[in-house]
Amino acid sequence: MLRQWVNCIMWGSWILFFSPSSAMAQGHDSDFLRSTGKIYSVIAGVVVIFIGISIYLWKIDNKLTNLEKQIKDEHETN
């Protein structure tokens, strides 16, 4: 189950960071943000959101795994 979760994160990261639309999205706005130093705030915000979503998905995966084990144990005892 953990391998599937890691695989999902890797593919999601690939799609988000290496898609052609993000490569072409560099324009005047990104130069302005770089020159004022605010690009680091934007990057930090995106990283924090990504980490938060990853932790949330990890917790849900653990809860589902525990529920699946509980259901399997109940069926085996009956």
N, C-alpha and C. Protein backbone atom coordinates (compact mmCIF):
# COMPACT_ATOMS: atom_id res chain seq x y z
N MET A 1 0.82 -1.19 0.00
CA MET A 1 0.00 0.00 0.00
C MET A 1 0.87 1.26 0.00
N LEU A 2 1.96 1.22 0.77
CA LEU A 2 2.85 2.37 0.83
C LEU A 2 3.52 2.60 -0.52
N ARG A 3 3.84 1.53 -1.21
CA ARG A 3 4.48 1.65 -2.52
C ARG A 3 3.54 2.35 -3.51
N GLN A 4 2.26 2.02 -3.45
CA GLN A 4 1.29 2.67 -4.33
C GLN A 4 1.19 4.16 -4.01
N TRP A 5 1.21 4.49 -2.72
CA TRP A 5 1.10 5.87 -2.30
C TRP A 5 2.31 6.67 -2.79
N VAL A 6 3.50 6.11 -2.63
CA VAL A 6 4.72 6.78 -3.08
C VAL A 6 4.70 6.94 -4.59
N ASN A 7 4.23 5.91 -5.30
CA ASN A 7 4.14 5.98 -6.76
C ASN A 7 3.19 7.10 -7.17
N CYS A 8 2.08 7.22 -6.48
CA CYS A 8 1.10 8.27 -6.78
C CYS A 8 1.71 9.65 -6.55
N ILE A 9 2.45 9.81 -5.47
CA ILE A 9 3.10 11.09 -5.18
C ILE A 9 4.13 11.42 -6.25
N MET A 10 4.89 10.43 -6.67
CA MET A 10 5.91 10.67 -7.69
C MET A 10 5.29 11.10 -9.02
N TRP A 11 4.23 10.41 -9.45
CA TRP A 11 3.57 10.78 -10.70
C TRP A 11 2.91 12.14 -10.59
N GLY A 12 2.31 12.42 -9.45
CA GLY A 12 1.69 13.73 -9.25
C GLY A 12 2.71 14.84 -9.29
N SER A 13 3.86 14.61 -8.68
CA SER A 13 4.92 15.61 -8.71
C SER A 13 5.43 15.82 -10.13
N TRP A 14 5.57 14.73 -10.86
CA TRP A 14 6.04 14.84 -12.24
C TRP A 14 5.07 15.67 -13.07
N ILE A 15 3.79 15.40 -12.92
CA ILE A 15 2.78 16.13 -13.69
C ILE A 15 2.78 17.60 -13.31
N LEU A 16 2.88 17.91 -12.02
CA LEU A 16 2.83 19.30 -11.58
C LEU A 16 4.07 20.09 -11.98
N PHE A 17 5.24 19.51 -11.80
CA PHE A 17 6.46 20.27 -11.96
C PHE A 17 7.08 20.21 -13.35
N PHE A 18 6.75 19.20 -14.12
CA PHE A 18 7.39 19.06 -15.42
C PHE A 18 6.43 19.12 -16.59
N SER A 19 5.25 19.63 -16.37
CA SER A 19 4.30 19.73 -17.47
C SER A 19 4.69 20.90 -18.37
N PRO A 20 4.35 20.81 -19.64
CA PRO A 20 4.71 21.88 -20.57
C PRO A 20 4.09 23.23 -20.21
N SER A 21 2.90 23.22 -19.63
CA SER A 21 2.26 24.49 -19.31
C SER A 21 3.04 25.25 -18.24
N SER A 22 3.63 24.55 -17.28
CA SER A 22 4.41 25.24 -16.25
C SER A 22 5.74 25.74 -16.82
N ALA A 23 6.27 25.05 -17.82
CA ALA A 23 7.52 25.49 -18.42
C ALA A 23 7.33 26.76 -19.23
N MET A 24 6.16 26.95 -19.80
CA MET A 24 5.89 28.13 -20.61
C MET A 24 5.31 29.28 -19.79
N ALA A 25 5.05 29.07 -18.53
CA ALA A 25 4.37 30.07 -17.73
C ALA A 25 5.32 31.12 -17.15
N GLN A 26 6.52 31.22 -17.68
CA GLN A 26 7.46 32.20 -17.17
C GLN A 26 7.35 33.47 -18.00
N GLY A 27 7.04 34.53 -17.32
CA GLY A 27 6.89 35.79 -18.02
C GLY A 27 7.36 36.94 -17.15
N HIS A 28 6.77 38.07 -17.41
CA HIS A 28 7.13 39.29 -16.70
C HIS A 28 6.83 39.19 -15.21
N ASP A 29 5.75 38.52 -14.85
CA ASP A 29 5.38 38.41 -13.44
C ASP A 29 6.43 37.66 -12.64
N SER A 30 6.98 36.59 -13.20
CA SER A 30 7.99 35.84 -12.46
C SER A 30 9.27 36.66 -12.30
N ASP A 31 9.61 37.49 -13.31
CA ASP A 31 10.78 38.35 -13.18
C ASP A 31 10.57 39.38 -12.07
N PHE A 32 9.37 39.93 -12.00
CA PHE A 32 9.06 40.89 -10.94
C PHE A 32 9.16 40.24 -9.57
N LEU A 33 8.61 39.04 -9.44
CA LEU A 33 8.66 38.36 -8.14
C LEU A 33 10.10 38.02 -7.76
N ARG A 34 10.91 37.64 -8.73
CA ARG A 34 12.32 37.35 -8.44
C ARG A 34 13.06 38.61 -8.00
N SER A 35 12.80 39.71 -8.68
CA SER A 35 13.53 40.94 -8.38
C SER A 35 13.17 41.49 -7.01
N THR A 36 11.94 41.27 -6.55
CA THR A 36 11.54 41.76 -5.24
C THR A 36 11.77 40.73 -4.14
N GLY A 37 12.16 39.53 -4.49
CA GLY A 37 12.42 38.49 -3.50
C GLY A 37 11.17 37.78 -3.02
N LYS A 38 10.03 38.08 -3.61
CA LYS A 38 8.77 37.46 -3.18
C LYS A 38 8.55 36.08 -3.78
N ILE A 39 9.36 35.71 -4.76
CA ILE A 39 9.21 34.39 -5.37
C ILE A 39 9.46 33.31 -4.34
N TYR A 40 10.35 33.59 -3.38
CA TYR A 40 10.63 32.60 -2.34
C TYR A 40 9.43 32.40 -1.43
N SER A 41 8.65 33.45 -1.21
CA SER A 41 7.42 33.30 -0.42
C SER A 41 6.41 32.45 -1.16
N VAL A 42 6.31 32.64 -2.45
CA VAL A 42 5.38 31.85 -3.26
C VAL A 42 5.80 30.38 -3.26
N ILE A 43 7.08 30.14 -3.47
CA ILE A 43 7.58 28.76 -3.48
C ILE A 43 7.38 28.12 -2.11
N ALA A 44 7.65 28.86 -1.04
CA ALA A 44 7.45 28.32 0.31
C ALA A 44 5.98 27.97 0.54
N GLY A 45 5.08 28.82 0.07
CA GLY A 45 3.65 28.53 0.21
C GLY A 45 3.24 27.27 -0.52
N VAL A 46 3.73 27.11 -1.73
CA VAL A 46 3.40 25.92 -2.52
C VAL A 46 3.97 24.67 -1.85
N VAL A 47 5.19 24.76 -1.35
CA VAL A 47 5.81 23.61 -0.68
C VAL A 47 5.04 23.24 0.58
N VAL A 48 4.62 24.23 1.37
CA VAL A 48 3.87 23.96 2.59
C VAL A 48 2.54 23.29 2.26
N ILE A 49 1.85 23.78 1.24
CA ILE A 49 0.58 23.18 0.83
C ILE A 49 0.80 21.75 0.36
N PHE A 50 1.83 21.52 -0.44
CA PHE A 50 2.13 20.17 -0.93
C PHE A 50 2.44 19.22 0.22
N ILE A 51 3.23 19.67 1.17
CA ILE A 51 3.56 18.83 2.33
C ILE A 51 2.31 18.54 3.15
N GLY A 52 1.46 19.55 3.33
CA GLY A 52 0.22 19.35 4.08
C GLY A 52 -0.69 18.33 3.43
N ILE A 53 -0.85 18.42 2.13
CA ILE A 53 -1.69 17.46 1.41
C ILE A 53 -1.08 16.06 1.48
N SER A 54 0.24 15.98 1.37
CA SER A 54 0.91 14.67 1.46
C SER A 54 0.70 14.02 2.82
N ILE A 55 0.83 14.81 3.88
CA ILE A 55 0.62 14.27 5.23
C ILE A 55 -0.82 13.84 5.41
N TYR A 56 -1.75 14.63 4.90
CA TYR A 56 -3.17 14.29 5.00
C TYR A 56 -3.46 12.96 4.29
N LEU A 57 -2.92 12.80 3.09
CA LEU A 57 -3.12 11.55 2.34
C LEU A 57 -2.47 10.37 3.06
N TRP A 58 -1.32 10.58 3.66
CA TRP A 58 -0.64 9.52 4.40
C TRP A 58 -1.48 9.07 5.60
N LYS A 59 -2.07 10.04 6.32
CA LYS A 59 -2.92 9.70 7.46
C LYS A 59 -4.16 8.92 7.01
N ILE A 60 -4.78 9.36 5.93
CA ILE A 60 -5.95 8.65 5.42
C ILE A 60 -5.57 7.23 5.00
N ASP A 61 -4.43 7.07 4.37
CA ASP A 61 -3.97 5.74 3.96
C ASP A 61 -3.78 4.84 5.17
N ASN A 62 -3.19 5.37 6.23
CA ASN A 62 -3.00 4.57 7.45
C ASN A 62 -4.34 4.18 8.06
N LYS A 63 -5.28 5.10 8.11
CA LYS A 63 -6.59 4.79 8.68
C LYS A 63 -7.31 3.73 7.85
N LEU A 64 -7.23 3.84 6.53
CA LEU A 64 -7.87 2.85 5.68
C LEU A 64 -7.22 1.48 5.83
N THR A 65 -5.91 1.46 5.95
CA THR A 65 -5.21 0.19 6.16
C THR A 65 -5.64 -0.46 7.46
N ASN A 66 -5.77 0.33 8.51
CA ASN A 66 -6.23 -0.22 9.80
C ASN A 66 -7.66 -0.74 9.70
N LEU A 67 -8.53 -0.01 9.01
CA LEU A 67 -9.91 -0.48 8.83
C LEU A 67 -9.96 -1.77 8.02
N GLU A 68 -9.14 -1.86 6.98
CA GLU A 68 -9.10 -3.08 6.18
C GLU A 68 -8.64 -4.26 7.02
N LYS A 69 -7.64 -4.05 7.88
CA LYS A 69 -7.18 -5.12 8.76
C LYS A 69 -8.27 -5.53 9.74
N GLN A 70 -8.99 -4.55 10.28
CA GLN A 70 -10.08 -4.85 11.21
C GLN A 70 -11.16 -5.69 10.53
N ILE A 71 -11.55 -5.29 9.34
CA ILE A 71 -12.59 -6.02 8.61
C ILE A 71 -12.12 -7.43 8.29
N LYS A 72 -10.87 -7.55 7.87
CA LYS A 72 -10.32 -8.87 7.55
C LYS A 72 -10.29 -9.76 8.79
N ASP A 73 -9.88 -9.21 9.93
CA ASP A 73 -9.85 -9.99 11.18
C ASP A 73 -11.25 -10.40 11.62
N GLU A 74 -12.23 -9.52 11.44
CA GLU A 74 -13.61 -9.85 11.82
C GLU A 74 -14.16 -10.98 10.95
N HIS A 75 -13.84 -10.95 9.67
CA HIS A 75 -14.31 -12.01 8.77
C HIS A 75 -13.63 -13.34 9.06
N GLU A 76 -12.37 -13.30 9.46
CA GLU A 76 -11.66 -14.54 9.77
C GLU A 76 -12.15 -15.17 11.07
N THR A 77 -12.56 -14.35 12.03
CA THR A 77 -13.04 -14.90 13.31
C THR A 77 -14.46 -15.44 13.20
N ASN A 78 -15.22 -14.96 12.24
CA ASN A 78 -16.61 -15.42 12.07
C ASN A 78 -16.64 -16.61 11.21
